[in-house]
Amino acid sequence: MATSRLPPATLTLKQFMRRQQVLLLYRRILQAIRQVPNDSDRKYLKDWAREEFKRNKGATEEASPTTEAQDLKEARGMVTNHGVCSVVTALSLDLVL
């Protein structure tokens, strides 16, 4: 039986592609947050996004579309409460890849 020459920590193609999608999403979120006019809201959203990505860093399961839709509704509510609804609109458009 032949052994693989790849190191054990090498990502599969599917994992690599998912990683690229996550990084693209993170960049788009940060770009959208930069458009928020209020400094305190911008800092809050940036910290929130950073913490959420850190919290889910080790996640291996993909969320179902239903779960993603629920998460998006919650994010809309959070951002609307902070007076930056345009950011959520931009993010929701970016999430539909």
PDB file of N, CA and C in Angstrom:
ATOM      1  N   MET A   1       0.846  -1.172   0.000  1.00  0.00           N
ATOM      2  CA  MET A   1       0.000   0.000   0.000  1.00  0.00           C
ATOM      3  C   MET A   1       0.895   1.240   0.000  1.00  0.00           C
ATOM      4  N   ALA A   2       0.611   2.161  -0.901  1.00  0.00           N
ATOM      5  CA  ALA A   2       1.406   3.381  -1.017  1.00  0.00           C
ATOM      6  C   ALA A   2       1.005   4.372   0.064  1.00  0.00           C
ATOM      7  N   THR A   3       1.979   5.061   0.586  1.00  0.00           N
ATOM      8  CA  THR A   3       1.690   6.089   1.579  1.00  0.00           C
ATOM      9  C   THR A   3       1.726   7.453   0.915  1.00  0.00           C
ATOM     10  N   SER A   4       0.977   8.366   1.464  1.00  0.00           N
ATOM     11  CA  SER A   4       0.911   9.712   0.912  1.00  0.00           C
ATOM     12  C   SER A   4       2.173  10.489   1.268  1.00  0.00           C
ATOM     13  N   ARG A   5       2.608  11.309   0.345  1.00  0.00           N
ATOM     14  CA  ARG A   5       3.775  12.167   0.595  1.00  0.00           C
ATOM     15  C   ARG A   5       3.379  13.487   1.241  1.00  0.00           C
ATOM     16  N   LEU A   6       2.094  13.726   1.327  1.00  0.00           N
ATOM     17  CA  LEU A   6       1.620  14.972   1.916  1.00  0.00           C
ATOM     18  C   LEU A   6       1.697  14.903   3.428  1.00  0.00           C
ATOM     19  N   PRO A   7       2.031  16.020   4.066  1.00  0.00           N
ATOM     20  CA  PRO A   7       2.024  16.032   5.529  1.00  0.00           C
ATOM     21  C   PRO A   7       0.609  15.795   6.049  1.00  0.00           C
ATOM     22  N   PRO A   8       0.476  15.249   7.253  1.00  0.00           N
ATOM     23  CA  PRO A   8      -0.858  14.939   7.795  1.00  0.00           C
ATOM     24  C   PRO A   8      -1.774  16.155   7.945  1.00  0.00           C
ATOM     25  N   ALA A   9      -1.227  17.349   8.084  1.00  0.00           N
ATOM     26  CA  ALA A   9      -2.044  18.547   8.297  1.00  0.00           C
ATOM     27  C   ALA A   9      -2.499  19.190   6.988  1.00  0.00           C
ATOM     28  N   THR A  10      -2.225  18.582   5.857  1.00  0.00           N
ATOM     29  CA  THR A  10      -2.613  19.140   4.574  1.00  0.00           C
ATOM     30  C   THR A  10      -4.127  19.108   4.419  1.00  0.00           C
ATOM     31  N   LEU A  11      -4.695  20.212   3.918  1.00  0.00           N
ATOM     32  CA  LEU A  11      -6.138  20.306   3.724  1.00  0.00           C
ATOM     33  C   LEU A  11      -6.555  19.578   2.454  1.00  0.00           C
ATOM     34  N   THR A  12      -7.746  19.018   2.485  1.00  0.00           N
ATOM     35  CA  THR A  12      -8.312  18.461   1.261  1.00  0.00           C
ATOM     36  C   THR A  12      -8.739  19.626   0.378  1.00  0.00           C
ATOM     37  N   LEU A  13      -9.059  19.339  -0.869  1.00  0.00           N
ATOM     38  CA  LEU A  13      -9.494  20.400  -1.774  1.00  0.00           C
ATOM     39  C   LEU A  13     -10.769  21.071  -1.256  1.00  0.00           C
ATOM     40  N   LYS A  14     -11.710  20.274  -0.765  1.00  0.00           N
ATOM     41  CA  LYS A  14     -12.962  20.830  -0.234  1.00  0.00           C
ATOM     42  C   LYS A  14     -12.690  21.733   0.974  1.00  0.00           C
ATOM     43  N   GLN A  15     -11.800  21.296   1.867  1.00  0.00           N
ATOM     44  CA  GLN A  15     -11.457  22.108   3.039  1.00  0.00           C
ATOM     45  C   GLN A  15     -10.762  23.399   2.616  1.00  0.00           C
ATOM     46  N   PHE A  16      -9.882  23.295   1.640  1.00  0.00           N
ATOM     47  CA  PHE A  16      -9.172  24.478   1.148  1.00  0.00           C
ATOM     48  C   PHE A  16     -10.149  25.486   0.550  1.00  0.00           C
ATOM     49  N   MET A  17     -11.082  24.994  -0.260  1.00  0.00           N
ATOM     50  CA  MET A  17     -12.066  25.883  -0.884  1.00  0.00           C
ATOM     51  C   MET A  17     -12.963  26.532   0.171  1.00  0.00           C
ATOM     52  N   ARG A  18     -13.388  25.769   1.172  1.00  0.00           N
ATOM     53  CA  ARG A  18     -14.218  26.328   2.241  1.00  0.00           C
ATOM     54  C   ARG A  18     -13.444  27.395   3.007  1.00  0.00           C
ATOM     55  N   ARG A  19     -12.156  27.136   3.258  1.00  0.00           N
ATOM     56  CA  ARG A  19     -11.319  28.109   3.970  1.00  0.00           C
ATOM     57  C   ARG A  19     -11.247  29.418   3.177  1.00  0.00           C
ATOM     58  N   GLN A  20     -11.077  29.314   1.865  1.00  0.00           N
ATOM     59  CA  GLN A  20     -11.014  30.506   1.027  1.00  0.00           C
ATOM     60  C   GLN A  20     -12.329  31.272   1.069  1.00  0.00           C
ATOM     61  N   GLN A  21     -13.454  30.556   1.078  1.00  0.00           N
ATOM     62  CA  GLN A  21     -14.762  31.215   1.156  1.00  0.00           C
ATOM     63  C   GLN A  21     -14.933  31.940   2.488  1.00  0.00           C
ATOM     64  N   VAL A  22     -14.485  31.321   3.557  1.00  0.00           N
ATOM     65  CA  VAL A  22     -14.591  31.937   4.886  1.00  0.00           C
ATOM     66  C   VAL A  22     -13.726  33.198   4.953  1.00  0.00           C
ATOM     67  N   LEU A  23     -12.514  33.117   4.431  1.00  0.00           N
ATOM     68  CA  LEU A  23     -11.634  34.287   4.435  1.00  0.00           C
ATOM     69  C   LEU A  23     -12.224  35.423   3.601  1.00  0.00           C
ATOM     70  N   LEU A  24     -12.819  35.085   2.454  1.00  0.00           N
ATOM     71  CA  LEU A  24     -13.459  36.092   1.615  1.00  0.00           C
ATOM     72  C   LEU A  24     -14.631  36.738   2.347  1.00  0.00           C
ATOM     73  N   LEU A  25     -15.427  35.924   3.032  1.00  0.00           N
ATOM     74  CA  LEU A  25     -16.543  36.451   3.805  1.00  0.00           C
ATOM     75  C   LEU A  25     -16.051  37.399   4.893  1.00  0.00           C
ATOM     76  N   TYR A  26     -14.992  37.015   5.593  1.00  0.00           N
ATOM     77  CA  TYR A  26     -14.437  37.863   6.656  1.00  0.00           C
ATOM     78  C   TYR A  26     -13.976  39.202   6.086  1.00  0.00           C
ATOM     79  N   ARG A  27     -13.293  39.161   4.954  1.00  0.00           N
ATOM     80  CA  ARG A  27     -12.843  40.407   4.325  1.00  0.00           C
ATOM     81  C   ARG A  27     -14.024  41.288   3.932  1.00  0.00           C
ATOM     82  N   ARG A  28     -15.056  40.674   3.372  1.00  0.00           N
ATOM     83  CA  ARG A  28     -16.236  41.448   2.960  1.00  0.00           C
ATOM     84  C   ARG A  28     -16.948  42.061   4.160  1.00  0.00           C
ATOM     85  N   ILE A  29     -17.013  41.318   5.239  1.00  0.00           N
ATOM     86  CA  ILE A  29     -17.635  41.849   6.456  1.00  0.00           C
ATOM     87  C   ILE A  29     -16.849  43.064   6.944  1.00  0.00           C
ATOM     88  N   LEU A  30     -15.525  42.944   6.986  1.00  0.00           N
ATOM     89  CA  LEU A  30     -14.711  44.073   7.446  1.00  0.00           C
ATOM     90  C   LEU A  30     -14.823  45.271   6.502  1.00  0.00           C
ATOM     91  N   GLN A  31     -14.914  45.012   5.205  1.00  0.00           N
ATOM     92  CA  GLN A  31     -15.089  46.115   4.252  1.00  0.00           C
ATOM     93  C   GLN A  31     -16.426  46.816   4.470  1.00  0.00           C
ATOM     94  N   ALA A  32     -17.470  46.047   4.722  1.00  0.00           N
ATOM     95  CA  ALA A  32     -18.781  46.637   4.969  1.00  0.00           C
ATOM     96  C   ALA A  32     -18.780  47.432   6.274  1.00  0.00           C
ATOM     97  N   ILE A  33     -18.091  46.919   7.270  1.00  0.00           N
ATOM     98  CA  ILE A  33     -18.036  47.604   8.568  1.00  0.00           C
ATOM     99  C   ILE A  33     -17.307  48.938   8.431  1.00  0.00           C
ATOM    100  N   ARG A  34     -16.339  49.019   7.553  1.00  0.00           N
ATOM    101  CA  ARG A  34     -15.611  50.285   7.349  1.00  0.00           C
ATOM    102  C   ARG A  34     -16.522  51.408   6.878  1.00  0.00           C
ATOM    103  N   GLN A  35     -17.676  51.065   6.310  1.00  0.00           N
ATOM    104  CA  GLN A  35     -18.599  52.077   5.805  1.00  0.00           C
ATOM    105  C   GLN A  35     -19.512  52.642   6.892  1.00  0.00           C
ATOM    106  N   VAL A  36     -19.454  52.075   8.084  1.00  0.00           N
ATOM    107  CA  VAL A  36     -20.292  52.557   9.191  1.00  0.00           C
ATOM    108  C   VAL A  36     -19.750  53.916   9.641  1.00  0.00           C
ATOM    109  N   PRO A  37     -20.601  54.931   9.669  1.00  0.00           N
ATOM    110  CA  PRO A  37     -20.110  56.271   9.997  1.00  0.00           C
ATOM    111  C   PRO A  37     -19.727  56.485  11.467  1.00  0.00           C
ATOM    112  N   ASN A  38     -20.418  55.841  12.378  1.00  0.00           N
ATOM    113  CA  ASN A  38     -20.171  56.052  13.801  1.00  0.00           C
ATOM    114  C   ASN A  38     -18.991  55.201  14.272  1.00  0.00           C
ATOM    115  N   ASP A  39     -17.994  55.842  14.886  1.00  0.00           N
ATOM    116  CA  ASP A  39     -16.781  55.150  15.332  1.00  0.00           C
ATOM    117  C   ASP A  39     -17.072  54.053  16.358  1.00  0.00           C
ATOM    118  N   SER A  40     -17.940  54.336  17.313  1.00  0.00           N
ATOM    119  CA  SER A  40     -18.213  53.336  18.347  1.00  0.00           C
ATOM    120  C   SER A  40     -18.958  52.127  17.763  1.00  0.00           C
ATOM    121  N   ASP A  41     -19.889  52.369  16.835  1.00  0.00           N
ATOM    122  CA  ASP A  41     -20.583  51.253  16.179  1.00  0.00           C
ATOM    123  C   ASP A  41     -19.603  50.434  15.343  1.00  0.00           C
ATOM    124  N   ARG A  42     -18.725  51.127  14.642  1.00  0.00           N
ATOM    125  CA  ARG A  42     -17.734  50.448  13.805  1.00  0.00           C
ATOM    126  C   ARG A  42     -16.835  49.556  14.655  1.00  0.00           C
ATOM    127  N   LYS A  43     -16.387  50.069  15.796  1.00  0.00           N
ATOM    128  CA  LYS A  43     -15.529  49.282  16.679  1.00  0.00           C
ATOM    129  C   LYS A  43     -16.288  48.093  17.245  1.00  0.00           C
ATOM    130  N   TYR A  44     -17.541  48.316  17.652  1.00  0.00           N
ATOM    131  CA  TYR A  44     -18.359  47.230  18.191  1.00  0.00           C
ATOM    132  C   TYR A  44     -18.531  46.111  17.159  1.00  0.00           C
ATOM    133  N   LEU A  45     -18.886  46.485  15.937  1.00  0.00           N
ATOM    134  CA  LEU A  45     -19.111  45.484  14.886  1.00  0.00           C
ATOM    135  C   LEU A  45     -17.832  44.748  14.516  1.00  0.00           C
ATOM    136  N   LYS A  46     -16.732  45.466  14.475  1.00  0.00           N
ATOM    137  CA  LYS A  46     -15.451  44.836  14.151  1.00  0.00           C
ATOM    138  C   LYS A  46     -15.064  43.832  15.237  1.00  0.00           C
ATOM    139  N   ASP A  47     -15.216  44.218  16.493  1.00  0.00           N
ATOM    140  CA  ASP A  47     -14.919  43.301  17.599  1.00  0.00           C
ATOM    141  C   ASP A  47     -15.859  42.103  17.576  1.00  0.00           C
ATOM    142  N   TRP A  48     -17.144  42.348  17.285  1.00  0.00           N
ATOM    143  CA  TRP A  48     -18.118  41.267  17.227  1.00  0.00           C
ATOM    144  C   TRP A  48     -17.748  40.266  16.137  1.00  0.00           C
ATOM    145  N   ALA A  49     -17.430  40.769  14.939  1.00  0.00           N
ATOM    146  CA  ALA A  49     -17.071  39.888  13.824  1.00  0.00           C
ATOM    147  C   ALA A  49     -15.816  39.088  14.161  1.00  0.00           C
ATOM    148  N   ARG A  50     -14.826  39.755  14.708  1.00  0.00           N
ATOM    149  CA  ARG A  50     -13.573  39.075  15.054  1.00  0.00           C
ATOM    150  C   ARG A  50     -13.811  37.960  16.075  1.00  0.00           C
ATOM    151  N   GLU A  51     -14.598  38.258  17.107  1.00  0.00           N
ATOM    152  CA  GLU A  51     -14.877  37.250  18.136  1.00  0.00           C
ATOM    153  C   GLU A  51     -15.669  36.073  17.589  1.00  0.00           C
ATOM    154  N   GLU A  52     -16.640  36.348  16.715  1.00  0.00           N
ATOM    155  CA  GLU A  52     -17.438  35.269  16.135  1.00  0.00           C
ATOM    156  C   GLU A  52     -16.574  34.348  15.277  1.00  0.00           C
ATOM    157  N   PHE A  53     -15.678  34.923  14.506  1.00  0.00           N
ATOM    158  CA  PHE A  53     -14.806  34.088  13.687  1.00  0.00           C
ATOM    159  C   PHE A  53     -13.829  33.301  14.558  1.00  0.00           C
ATOM    160  N   LYS A  54     -13.322  33.916  15.611  1.00  0.00           N
ATOM    161  CA  LYS A  54     -12.437  33.192  16.525  1.00  0.00           C
ATOM    162  C   LYS A  54     -13.185  32.066  17.220  1.00  0.00           C
ATOM    163  N   ARG A  55     -14.416  32.338  17.649  1.00  0.00           N
ATOM    164  CA  ARG A  55     -15.213  31.354  18.358  1.00  0.00           C
ATOM    165  C   ARG A  55     -15.513  30.136  17.479  1.00  0.00           C
ATOM    166  N   ASN A  56     -15.670  30.369  16.201  1.00  0.00           N
ATOM    167  CA  ASN A  56     -16.009  29.292  15.277  1.00  0.00           C
ATOM    168  C   ASN A  56     -14.819  28.784  14.476  1.00  0.00           C
ATOM    169  N   LYS A  57     -13.627  29.126  14.907  1.00  0.00           N
ATOM    170  CA  LYS A  57     -12.415  28.756  14.175  1.00  0.00           C
ATOM    171  C   LYS A  57     -12.296  27.250  13.966  1.00  0.00           C
ATOM    172  N   GLY A  58     -12.626  26.475  14.961  1.00  0.00           N
ATOM    173  CA  GLY A  58     -12.470  25.030  14.867  1.00  0.00           C
ATOM    174  C   GLY A  58     -13.676  24.304  14.308  1.00  0.00           C
ATOM    175  N   ALA A  59     -14.691  25.032  13.856  1.00  0.00           N
ATOM    176  CA  ALA A  59     -15.908  24.398  13.351  1.00  0.00           C
ATOM    177  C   ALA A  59     -15.602  23.594  12.093  1.00  0.00           C
ATOM    178  N   THR A  60     -16.166  22.398  12.027  1.00  0.00           N
ATOM    179  CA  THR A  60     -15.946  21.552  10.859  1.00  0.00           C
ATOM    180  C   THR A  60     -17.238  21.272  10.101  1.00  0.00           C
ATOM    181  N   GLU A  61     -18.379  21.415  10.756  1.00  0.00           N
ATOM    182  CA  GLU A  61     -19.660  21.179  10.099  1.00  0.00           C
ATOM    183  C   GLU A  61     -20.118  22.436   9.385  1.00  0.00           C
ATOM    184  N   GLU A  62     -20.718  22.235   8.220  1.00  0.00           N
ATOM    185  CA  GLU A  62     -21.298  23.362   7.521  1.00  0.00           C
ATOM    186  C   GLU A  62     -22.719  23.561   8.032  1.00  0.00           C
ATOM    187  N   ALA A  63     -23.095  24.811   8.178  1.00  0.00           N
ATOM    188  CA  ALA A  63     -24.445  25.115   8.669  1.00  0.00           C
ATOM    189  C   ALA A  63     -25.450  24.868   7.559  1.00  0.00           C
ATOM    190  N   SER A  64     -26.633  24.475   7.943  1.00  0.00           N
ATOM    191  CA  SER A  64     -27.702  24.289   6.963  1.00  0.00           C
ATOM    192  C   SER A  64     -28.206  25.662   6.536  1.00  0.00           C
ATOM    193  N   PRO A  65     -28.823  25.766   5.364  1.00  0.00           N
ATOM    194  CA  PRO A  65     -29.366  27.066   4.932  1.00  0.00           C
ATOM    195  C   PRO A  65     -30.343  27.657   5.938  1.00  0.00           C
ATOM    196  N   THR A  66     -31.108  26.805   6.630  1.00  0.00           N
ATOM    197  CA  THR A  66     -32.062  27.287   7.631  1.00  0.00           C
ATOM    198  C   THR A  66     -31.316  27.961   8.779  1.00  0.00           C
ATOM    199  N   THR A  67     -30.232  27.339   9.249  1.00  0.00           N
ATOM    200  CA  THR A  67     -29.436  27.903  10.336  1.00  0.00           C
ATOM    201  C   THR A  67     -28.800  29.212   9.896  1.00  0.00           C
ATOM    202  N   GLU A  68     -28.285  29.250   8.677  1.00  0.00           N
ATOM    203  CA  GLU A  68     -27.667  30.481   8.175  1.00  0.00           C
ATOM    204  C   GLU A  68     -28.689  31.602   8.080  1.00  0.00           C
ATOM    205  N   ALA A  69     -29.907  31.283   7.636  1.00  0.00           N
ATOM    206  CA  ALA A  69     -30.959  32.301   7.540  1.00  0.00           C
ATOM    207  C   ALA A  69     -31.314  32.841   8.921  1.00  0.00           C
ATOM    208  N   GLN A  70     -31.390  31.964   9.913  1.00  0.00           N
ATOM    209  CA  GLN A  70     -31.689  32.394  11.283  1.00  0.00           C
ATOM    210  C   GLN A  70     -30.568  33.277  11.823  1.00  0.00           C
ATOM    211  N   ASP A  71     -29.318  32.883  11.564  1.00  0.00           N
ATOM    212  CA  ASP A  71     -28.177  33.689  12.011  1.00  0.00           C
ATOM    213  C   ASP A  71     -28.205  35.071  11.369  1.00  0.00           C
ATOM    214  N   LEU A  72     -28.566  35.126  10.095  1.00  0.00           N
ATOM    215  CA  LEU A  72     -28.629  36.402   9.390  1.00  0.00           C
ATOM    216  C   LEU A  72     -29.713  37.295   9.980  1.00  0.00           C
ATOM    217  N   LYS A  73     -30.867  36.703  10.338  1.00  0.00           N
ATOM    218  CA  LYS A  73     -31.943  37.482  10.966  1.00  0.00           C
ATOM    219  C   LYS A  73     -31.484  38.053  12.302  1.00  0.00           C
ATOM    220  N   GLU A  74     -30.763  37.238  13.080  1.00  0.00           N
ATOM    221  CA  GLU A  74     -30.250  37.715  14.364  1.00  0.00           C
ATOM    222  C   GLU A  74     -29.247  38.838  14.157  1.00  0.00           C
ATOM    223  N   ALA A  75     -28.380  38.694  13.169  1.00  0.00           N
ATOM    224  CA  ALA A  75     -27.386  39.739  12.888  1.00  0.00           C
ATOM    225  C   ALA A  75     -28.082  41.018  12.455  1.00  0.00           C
ATOM    226  N   ARG A  76     -29.128  40.895  11.646  1.00  0.00           N
ATOM    227  CA  ARG A  76     -29.882  42.089  11.230  1.00  0.00           C
ATOM    228  C   ARG A  76     -30.445  42.816  12.441  1.00  0.00           C
ATOM    229  N   GLY A  77     -30.999  42.050  13.369  1.00  0.00           N
ATOM    230  CA  GLY A  77     -31.560  42.657  14.566  1.00  0.00           C
ATOM    231  C   GLY A  77     -30.513  43.365  15.392  1.00  0.00           C
ATOM    232  N   MET A  78     -29.332  42.739  15.542  1.00  0.00           N
ATOM    233  CA  MET A  78     -28.250  43.345  16.319  1.00  0.00           C
ATOM    234  C   MET A  78     -27.786  44.637  15.684  1.00  0.00           C
ATOM    235  N   VAL A  79     -27.583  44.613  14.380  1.00  0.00           N
ATOM    236  CA  VAL A  79     -27.056  45.794  13.702  1.00  0.00           C
ATOM    237  C   VAL A  79     -28.111  46.878  13.639  1.00  0.00           C
ATOM    238  N   THR A  80     -29.367  46.513  13.410  1.00  0.00           N
ATOM    239  CA  THR A  80     -30.435  47.508  13.371  1.00  0.00           C
ATOM    240  C   THR A  80     -30.551  48.216  14.712  1.00  0.00           C
ATOM    241  N   ASN A  81     -30.374  47.474  15.795  1.00  0.00           N
ATOM    242  CA  ASN A  81     -30.417  48.083  17.117  1.00  0.00           C
ATOM    243  C   ASN A  81     -29.286  49.080  17.314  1.00  0.00           C
ATOM    244  N   HIS A  82     -28.211  48.932  16.560  1.00  0.00           N
ATOM    245  CA  HIS A  82     -27.094  49.863  16.671  1.00  0.00           C
ATOM    246  C   HIS A  82     -27.133  50.935  15.583  1.00  0.00           C
ATOM    247  N   GLY A  83     -28.208  50.970  14.787  1.00  0.00           N
ATOM    248  CA  GLY A  83     -28.402  52.044  13.828  1.00  0.00           C
ATOM    249  C   GLY A  83     -27.554  51.940  12.576  1.00  0.00           C
ATOM    250  N   VAL A  84     -27.148  50.764  12.200  1.00  0.00           N
ATOM    251  CA  VAL A  84     -26.329  50.626  10.994  1.00  0.00           C
ATOM    252  C   VAL A  84     -26.924  49.545  10.098  1.00  0.00           C
ATOM    253  N   CYS A  85     -28.159  49.733   9.707  1.00  0.00           N
ATOM    254  CA  CYS A  85     -28.884  48.743   8.912  1.00  0.00           C
ATOM    255  C   CYS A  85     -28.244  48.540   7.543  1.00  0.00           C
ATOM    256  N   SER A  86     -27.591  49.551   6.982  1.00  0.00           N
ATOM    257  CA  SER A  86     -26.988  49.411   5.657  1.00  0.00           C
ATOM    258  C   SER A  86     -25.890  48.359   5.642  1.00  0.00           C
ATOM    259  N   VAL A  87     -25.200  48.174   6.760  1.00  0.00           N
ATOM    260  CA  VAL A  87     -24.149  47.157   6.835  1.00  0.00           C
ATOM    261  C   VAL A  87     -24.756  45.775   6.694  1.00  0.00           C
ATOM    262  N   VAL A  88     -25.878  45.532   7.348  1.00  0.00           N
ATOM    263  CA  VAL A  88     -26.509  44.220   7.276  1.00  0.00           C
ATOM    264  C   VAL A  88     -27.001  43.962   5.862  1.00  0.00           C
ATOM    265  N   THR A  89     -27.522  44.970   5.211  1.00  0.00           N
ATOM    266  CA  THR A  89     -27.976  44.796   3.831  1.00  0.00           C
ATOM    267  C   THR A  89     -26.802  44.395   2.955  1.00  0.00           C
ATOM    268  N   ALA A  90     -25.680  45.065   3.124  1.00  0.00           N
ATOM    269  CA  ALA A  90     -24.486  44.730   2.345  1.00  0.00           C
ATOM    270  C   ALA A  90     -24.006  43.323   2.663  1.00  0.00           C
ATOM    271  N   LEU A  91     -24.018  42.957   3.944  1.00  0.00           N
ATOM    272  CA  LEU A  91     -23.575  41.630   4.334  1.00  0.00           C
ATOM    273  C   LEU A  91     -24.507  40.553   3.810  1.00  0.00           C
ATOM    274  N   SER A  92     -25.807  40.813   3.852  1.00  0.00           N
ATOM    275  CA  SER A  92     -26.743  39.791   3.384  1.00  0.00           C
ATOM    276  C   SER A  92     -26.588  39.568   1.886  1.00  0.00           C
ATOM    277  N   LEU A  93     -26.264  40.613   1.141  1.00  0.00           N
ATOM    278  CA  LEU A  93     -26.019  40.441  -0.274  1.00  0.00           C
ATOM    279  C   LEU A  93     -24.737  39.667  -0.520  1.00  0.00           C
ATOM    280  N   ASP A  94     -23.731  39.894   0.289  1.00  0.00           N
ATOM    281  CA  ASP A  94     -22.462  39.196   0.137  1.00  0.00           C
ATOM    282  C   ASP A  94     -22.560  37.743   0.545  1.00  0.00           C
ATOM    283  N   LEU A  95     -23.449  37.430   1.480  1.00  0.00           N
ATOM    284  CA  LEU A  95     -23.572  36.055   1.948  1.00  0.00           C
ATOM    285  C   LEU A  95     -24.153  35.141   0.896  1.00  0.00           C
ATOM    286  N   VAL A  96     -24.914  35.700  -0.020  1.00  0.00           N
ATOM    287  CA  VAL A  96     -25.498  34.897  -1.093  1.00  0.00           C
ATOM    288  C   VAL A  96     -24.460  34.828  -2.206  1.00  0.00           C
ATOM    289  N   LEU A  97     -23.562  33.872  -2.114  1.00  0.00           N
ATOM    290  CA  LEU A  97     -22.462  33.770  -3.070  1.00  0.00           C
ATOM    291  C   LEU A  97     -22.846  33.054  -4.318  1.00  0.00           C
TER     292      LEU A  97
END
